Amino acid sequence: MKKTNSTDAKVKKSDRLKANSKRTRRKMDALEKKKIIASLTLMDDLFMQVVLEEQACTEYILQTILDKSSLKLKEQRLQKRLPNLHGRALVLDCFCTDEKGLLYNIEVQNSSAGAIPKRARYHAALMDTHTLKKGEKFSKLPESYVIFITDKDVLGEGEQLYQIERVIRKSGNLFKDGSHIFYFNTARQDDNALGKLAKDLKEANPKEIKSKVLSHRVASLKEAKLDREGVKKMNVLLEKYRKKAVEEGIEKGIAQGMQQGLEKGLEEGQNRLALLVGRLLDAGRVDDLKKVSYDEEYREKLLKEFGL
C-alpha cells in the first residue's frame, strides 16, 4: 500500500511539474511575443504591410513623399502579385490607385541589393503590362509611381529624396512618358516633413511617432488589449517573421555549408596537387610537371596514375 501511495505521489508530482513547465513556456512565449512586437518599426516590411491595411496610413505616406496633400486613394492591394508568363513575376508590397487613376507602388527595402535601379525599372514595366487592356491605346496608360523607401542611401548621392525621370539629353526637357521613380532615403532625417516621416518610420514606440495617423495605427497594433481581429493579425505577422527567420537561417546555413565545402575542396585539391608535384620531381618527369600546370585533363590522368 505504501508503494502504491508513493507511486501515486510521484505521478502527481510529475504532472504538476509538467503543468508548471507548460505555464512557464506559455509565459515565456507571451513575453517573447511582446518583445518582438514592441521592437517592430514601419521599416520592417511585414509590419508595414499590416499598418498599411489602414488606407489613411498609406495616403499619409504618399502625401508626404510626393508633396501632394490632396492625394486620396480609390483602392489599394497589399502583397499584390503580378504574374509574368514570359519571365519573373513580382509581389508588390503595396499597390494602389488614386481617385484620378494614377498608380502607386510602395516598397520597403532594408538592403541595397533589394533596391537596385534595374529592380525599380522592372517594377514600373510590369505595372504597365498589367494596366493596359488588350486593344487600348497607349495614350490610356496612366501615370505610375514606383517608390522605394530605403533604410540607407542606396544611390549614394546624399539626397533625402531622389526623383528619377527620363529626359531628352540634348535639351534637358522631360520625356513625358508618365513613369516616375522615387527613392526615399530614411537615413537622412532633416528638419522637414520628410525628415519627420523618416524618424516615424524608424520609431518603435508609438508614443514617439509624430504623425497622428501612424501613431494611432501602430499603438492599436502594439497594445496588449487587442480585439480578436487584431490578435489574429499580430499572430499571423509573428508566424511570418518566424518563417522568414527560419528561411533566412536555412539559406545562411546552405551558403555557409557551400563555402566550407568549397574551402575544404580547395584544400584537398591543393594537397593532391602538391603530392603529384613531389612524385613527378622524384621521378624526374620535368616535362610532365610543366604540362600539369596548364592541362587539366592531363593533370587528372597523372593523379589517377599515381593513385592520388
Protein backbone atom coordinates (compact mmCIF):
# COMPACT_ATOMS: atom_id res chain seq x y z
CA MET A 1 0.00 0.00 0.00
CA LYS A 2 2.85 2.35 0.85
CA LYS A 3 4.47 1.67 -2.53
CA THR A 4 1.21 2.48 -4.29
CA ASN A 5 0.84 5.75 -2.39
CA SER A 6 4.46 6.59 -3.13
CA THR A 7 3.96 5.87 -6.84
CA ASP A 8 0.79 7.99 -6.95
CA ALA A 9 2.62 10.86 -5.25
CA LYS A 10 5.44 10.67 -7.79
CA VAL A 11 2.95 10.68 -10.67
CA LYS A 12 1.12 13.68 -9.23
CA LYS A 13 4.40 15.50 -8.67
CA SER A 14 5.44 14.75 -12.25
CA ASP A 15 2.11 16.05 -13.56
CA ARG A 16 2.47 19.24 -11.52
CA LEU A 17 5.99 19.76 -12.84
CA LYS A 18 4.77 19.26 -16.45
CA ALA A 19 1.88 21.67 -15.91
CA ASN A 20 4.21 24.26 -14.38
CA SER A 21 6.63 23.78 -17.26
CA LYS A 22 3.85 24.38 -19.81
CA ARG A 23 2.70 27.50 -17.97
CA THR A 24 6.28 28.77 -17.84
CA ARG A 25 6.73 28.15 -21.58
CA ARG A 26 3.46 29.96 -22.34
CA LYS A 27 4.59 32.91 -20.22
CA MET A 28 7.96 32.93 -21.93
CA ASP A 29 6.30 32.72 -25.36
CA ALA A 30 3.99 35.61 -24.43
CA LEU A 31 6.91 37.70 -23.17
CA GLU A 32 8.91 36.91 -26.31
CA LYS A 33 5.97 37.95 -28.49
CA LYS A 34 5.62 41.21 -26.58
CA LYS A 35 9.33 41.92 -27.00
CA ILE A 36 9.17 41.26 -30.75
CA ILE A 37 6.03 43.36 -31.20
CA ALA A 38 7.49 46.20 -29.11
CA SER A 39 10.64 46.28 -31.27
CA LEU A 40 8.84 46.46 -34.63
CA THR A 41 9.06 49.60 -36.73
CA LEU A 42 7.50 50.61 -40.02
CA MET A 43 10.81 49.79 -41.72
CA ASP A 44 10.04 46.12 -41.03
CA ASP A 45 8.32 45.29 -44.30
CA LEU A 46 5.94 42.71 -42.79
CA PHE A 47 4.82 45.11 -40.05
CA MET A 48 4.47 47.90 -42.60
CA GLN A 49 2.05 45.74 -44.59
CA VAL A 50 -0.18 45.32 -41.52
CA VAL A 51 -0.03 49.05 -40.75
CA LEU A 52 -0.93 49.96 -44.33
CA GLU A 53 -4.12 47.93 -44.11
CA GLU A 54 -5.48 51.21 -42.79
CA GLN A 55 -5.67 53.18 -46.02
CA ALA A 56 -5.27 56.54 -44.27
CA CYS A 57 -1.70 55.49 -43.35
CA THR A 58 -0.87 54.78 -46.99
CA GLU A 59 -2.36 58.12 -48.04
CA TYR A 60 -0.32 59.99 -45.43
CA ILE A 61 2.95 58.38 -46.56
CA LEU A 62 2.25 59.10 -50.23
CA GLN A 63 1.10 62.67 -49.49
CA THR A 64 4.34 63.36 -47.60
CA ILE A 65 6.77 61.75 -50.04
CA LEU A 66 5.14 63.19 -53.16
CA ASP A 67 4.19 66.52 -51.51
CA LYS A 68 0.57 66.08 -52.56
CA SER A 69 -1.63 66.91 -49.58
CA SER A 70 -4.82 66.43 -51.60
CA LEU A 71 -3.96 62.86 -52.73
CA LYS A 72 -6.78 60.42 -51.97
CA LEU A 73 -6.73 56.72 -52.77
CA LYS A 74 -9.53 54.90 -54.50
CA GLU A 75 -8.26 51.41 -53.66
CA GLN A 76 -5.15 49.54 -52.57
CA ARG A 77 -3.83 45.98 -52.57
CA LEU A 78 -1.15 44.63 -50.24
CA GLN A 79 1.12 41.85 -51.47
CA LYS A 80 -0.30 42.26 -54.96
CA ARG A 81 1.07 39.54 -57.25
CA LEU A 82 1.87 40.48 -60.85
CA PRO A 83 2.37 37.26 -62.83
CA ASN A 84 4.59 37.11 -65.89
CA LEU A 85 4.17 34.26 -68.38
CA HIS A 86 7.47 35.05 -70.08
CA GLY A 87 9.68 35.84 -67.10
CA ARG A 88 9.93 36.72 -63.45
CA ALA A 89 6.75 37.57 -61.55
CA LEU A 90 6.54 40.23 -58.83
CA VAL A 91 4.78 40.60 -55.49
CA LEU A 92 4.29 44.28 -54.71
CA ASP A 93 4.35 45.36 -51.04
CA CYS A 94 1.62 47.93 -51.62
CA PHE A 95 -0.12 48.68 -54.92
CA CYS A 96 -2.74 51.40 -55.06
CA THR A 97 -4.74 53.70 -57.31
CA ASP A 98 -5.84 57.24 -56.53
CA GLU A 99 -9.09 58.96 -57.45
CA LYS A 100 -7.53 60.23 -60.70
CA GLY A 101 -6.47 56.74 -61.78
CA LEU A 102 -2.75 57.21 -61.09
CA LEU A 103 -0.85 54.09 -59.97
CA TYR A 104 1.45 53.78 -56.95
CA ASN A 105 3.76 51.03 -55.76
CA ILE A 106 5.37 51.39 -52.32
CA GLU A 107 8.30 49.10 -51.48
CA VAL A 108 10.17 48.98 -48.16
CA GLN A 109 13.78 47.91 -48.73
CA ASN A 110 16.32 47.44 -45.95
CA SER A 111 19.04 46.04 -48.19
CA SER A 112 20.79 47.80 -51.06
CA ALA A 113 20.52 44.67 -53.21
CA GLY A 114 16.72 44.84 -52.99
CA ALA A 115 16.58 48.39 -54.32
CA ILE A 116 18.90 48.44 -57.31
CA PRO A 117 17.82 50.74 -60.18
CA LYS A 118 17.03 47.86 -62.53
CA ARG A 119 14.55 46.49 -60.00
CA ALA A 120 12.74 49.82 -60.00
CA ARG A 121 12.67 49.71 -63.79
CA TYR A 122 11.22 46.19 -63.72
CA HIS A 123 8.52 47.15 -61.23
CA ALA A 124 7.43 50.04 -63.44
CA ALA A 125 7.45 47.87 -66.57
CA LEU A 126 5.40 45.06 -65.05
CA MET A 127 2.89 47.51 -63.59
CA ASP A 128 2.37 48.91 -67.11
CA THR A 129 1.99 45.42 -68.54
CA HIS A 130 -0.84 44.65 -66.12
CA THR A 131 -2.59 48.00 -66.52
CA LEU A 132 -3.25 48.48 -70.23
CA LYS A 133 -6.05 46.26 -71.51
CA LYS A 134 -5.97 44.46 -74.84
CA GLY A 135 -6.72 46.84 -77.69
CA GLU A 136 -6.45 50.00 -75.57
CA LYS A 137 -4.47 52.93 -76.92
CA PHE A 138 -1.07 53.64 -75.37
CA SER A 139 -2.33 57.12 -74.52
CA LYS A 140 -4.62 55.44 -71.96
CA LEU A 141 -1.64 54.23 -69.94
CA PRO A 142 -1.90 56.01 -66.56
CA GLU A 143 0.95 57.75 -64.78
CA SER A 144 2.78 55.43 -62.39
CA TYR A 145 4.92 55.98 -59.31
CA VAL A 146 7.36 53.38 -58.01
CA ILE A 147 8.50 54.42 -54.53
CA PHE A 148 11.34 52.67 -52.72
CA ILE A 149 11.58 53.53 -49.03
CA THR A 150 15.14 52.58 -48.14
CA ASP A 151 16.95 52.17 -44.83
CA LYS A 152 20.20 53.57 -46.28
CA ASP A 153 21.28 55.92 -49.05
CA VAL A 154 21.16 53.31 -51.82
CA LEU A 155 22.04 55.73 -54.63
CA GLY A 156 24.88 57.27 -52.66
CA GLU A 157 24.47 60.96 -53.53
CA GLY A 158 23.40 62.13 -50.09
CA GLU A 159 19.90 63.17 -51.13
CA GLN A 160 16.88 62.86 -48.90
CA LEU A 161 14.54 62.15 -51.79
CA TYR A 162 15.57 61.09 -55.28
CA GLN A 163 13.12 61.72 -58.12
CA ILE A 164 14.07 59.87 -61.28
CA GLU A 165 12.58 60.99 -64.60
CA ARG A 166 13.51 60.28 -68.22
CA VAL A 167 14.83 63.35 -70.01
CA ILE A 168 15.81 64.28 -73.54
CA ARG A 169 19.57 64.53 -73.11
CA LYS A 170 20.33 67.37 -75.52
CA SER A 171 17.60 69.77 -74.43
CA GLY A 172 17.17 68.56 -70.86
CA ASN A 173 13.39 68.55 -71.35
CA LEU A 174 11.30 65.82 -69.74
CA PHE A 175 10.43 62.79 -71.85
CA LYS A 176 6.82 62.74 -70.70
CA ASP A 177 6.13 59.00 -70.57
CA GLY A 178 4.30 59.26 -67.22
CA SER A 179 6.70 56.95 -65.39
CA HIS A 180 8.12 58.23 -62.10
CA ILE A 181 10.56 56.55 -59.71
CA PHE A 182 11.31 57.81 -56.20
CA TYR A 183 13.89 56.70 -53.66
CA PHE A 184 13.16 57.93 -50.12
CA ASN A 185 16.39 57.77 -48.10
CA THR A 186 15.30 57.42 -44.44
CA ALA A 187 18.93 57.59 -43.26
CA ARG A 188 18.79 61.36 -43.83
CA GLN A 189 16.46 62.97 -41.31
CA ASP A 190 16.33 66.71 -42.00
CA ASP A 191 14.09 69.07 -40.05
CA ASN A 192 11.27 68.95 -42.57
CA ALA A 193 8.20 66.85 -43.37
CA LEU A 194 10.27 64.10 -45.00
CA GLY A 195 12.70 64.04 -42.07
CA LYS A 196 9.84 63.68 -39.60
CA LEU A 197 8.37 60.85 -41.64
CA ALA A 198 11.77 59.13 -41.78
CA LYS A 199 12.01 59.29 -37.97
CA ASP A 200 8.46 57.97 -37.60
CA LEU A 201 9.20 55.03 -39.90
CA LYS A 202 12.15 54.04 -37.69
CA GLU A 203 10.44 54.59 -34.33
CA ALA A 204 9.27 51.53 -32.38
CA ASN A 205 7.42 53.42 -29.63
CA PRO A 206 4.04 54.66 -30.92
CA LYS A 207 4.08 57.48 -28.33
CA GLU A 208 7.17 58.91 -30.03
CA ILE A 209 5.67 58.80 -33.53
CA LYS A 210 4.74 62.36 -34.52
CA SER A 211 2.18 61.54 -37.19
CA LYS A 212 -1.19 61.07 -35.52
CA VAL A 213 -2.49 58.62 -38.10
CA LEU A 214 0.64 56.43 -37.94
CA SER A 215 0.92 56.69 -34.16
CA HIS A 216 -2.70 55.65 -33.64
CA ARG A 217 -2.39 52.71 -36.03
CA VAL A 218 0.89 51.43 -34.55
CA ALA A 219 -0.43 51.83 -31.00
CA SER A 220 -3.60 49.90 -31.83
CA LEU A 221 -1.50 47.01 -33.15
CA LYS A 222 1.01 47.00 -30.29
CA GLU A 223 -1.35 47.45 -27.34
CA ALA A 224 -1.84 44.45 -25.07
CA LYS A 225 -5.63 44.73 -25.27
CA LEU A 226 -6.32 43.99 -28.91
CA ASP A 227 -9.65 42.91 -30.29
CA ARG A 228 -9.93 39.39 -31.68
CA GLU A 229 -9.13 40.53 -35.23
CA GLY A 230 -6.09 42.46 -34.00
CA VAL A 231 -4.74 39.48 -32.07
CA LYS A 232 -5.23 37.28 -35.14
CA LYS A 233 -3.34 39.73 -37.37
CA MET A 234 -0.41 40.03 -34.98
CA ASN A 235 -0.21 36.25 -34.57
CA VAL A 236 -0.14 35.86 -38.35
CA LEU A 237 2.55 38.55 -38.50
CA LEU A 238 4.69 36.80 -35.87
CA GLU A 239 4.31 33.50 -37.69
CA LYS A 240 5.52 35.18 -40.90
CA TYR A 241 8.54 36.54 -39.03
CA ARG A 242 9.25 33.08 -37.64
CA LYS A 243 9.11 31.53 -41.11
CA LYS A 244 11.23 34.33 -42.55
CA ALA A 245 13.85 33.78 -39.83
CA VAL A 246 13.84 30.03 -40.47
CA GLU A 247 14.18 30.53 -44.24
CA GLU A 248 16.97 33.05 -43.81
CA GLY A 249 18.68 30.69 -41.36
CA ILE A 250 18.42 27.80 -43.82
CA GLU A 251 19.71 29.97 -46.67
CA LYS A 252 22.57 31.19 -44.48
CA GLY A 253 23.34 27.62 -43.42
CA ILE A 254 23.39 26.46 -47.04
CA ALA A 255 25.65 29.35 -48.01
CA GLN A 256 28.00 28.62 -45.11
CA GLY A 257 27.97 24.92 -45.96
CA MET A 258 28.78 25.64 -49.59
CA GLN A 259 31.60 27.97 -48.57
CA GLN A 260 33.01 25.42 -46.12
CA GLY A 261 32.72 22.70 -48.74
CA LEU A 262 34.46 24.89 -51.29
CA GLU A 263 37.27 25.71 -48.87
CA LYS A 264 37.65 22.04 -47.97
CA GLY A 265 37.61 21.10 -51.64
CA LEU A 266 40.27 23.67 -52.45
CA GLU A 267 42.42 22.48 -49.57
CA GLU A 268 42.09 18.85 -50.65
CA GLY A 269 42.82 19.80 -54.28
CA GLN A 270 45.93 21.71 -53.26
CA ASN A 271 47.16 18.77 -51.18
CA ARG A 272 46.66 16.34 -54.11
CA LEU A 273 48.46 18.71 -56.48
CA ALA A 274 51.37 19.13 -54.03
CA LEU A 275 51.73 15.34 -53.74
CA LEU A 276 51.65 14.97 -57.53
CA VAL A 277 54.38 17.63 -57.96
CA GLY A 278 56.52 15.80 -55.42
CA ARG A 279 56.09 12.45 -57.19
CA LEU A 280 56.93 13.94 -60.58
CA LEU A 281 60.03 15.64 -59.19
CA ASP A 282 61.18 12.40 -57.58
CA ALA A 283 60.67 10.63 -60.93
CA GLY A 284 62.50 13.37 -62.84
CA ARG A 285 59.50 13.92 -65.10
CA VAL A 286 60.06 17.65 -65.70
CA ASP A 287 58.07 17.79 -68.96
CA ASP A 288 55.07 16.25 -67.23
CA LEU A 289 55.47 18.74 -64.38
CA LYS A 290 55.22 21.63 -66.85
CA LYS A 291 52.21 20.15 -68.61
CA VAL A 292 50.10 19.62 -65.46
CA SER A 293 50.39 23.35 -64.72
CA TYR A 294 48.10 24.17 -67.66
CA ASP A 295 46.49 20.94 -68.93
CA GLU A 296 43.64 19.95 -66.58
CA GLU A 297 42.83 16.66 -68.34
CA TYR A 298 46.47 15.57 -68.30
CA ARG A 299 46.71 16.55 -64.63
CA GLU A 300 43.73 14.32 -63.78
CA LYS A 301 45.28 11.49 -65.78
CA LEU A 302 48.53 11.70 -63.75
CA LEU A 303 46.63 11.96 -60.47
CA LYS A 304 44.97 8.64 -61.30
CA GLU A 305 48.30 7.18 -62.41
CA PHE A 306 49.84 7.90 -59.01
CA GLY A 307 46.71 6.89 -57.11
CA LEU A 308 46.03 10.40 -55.83
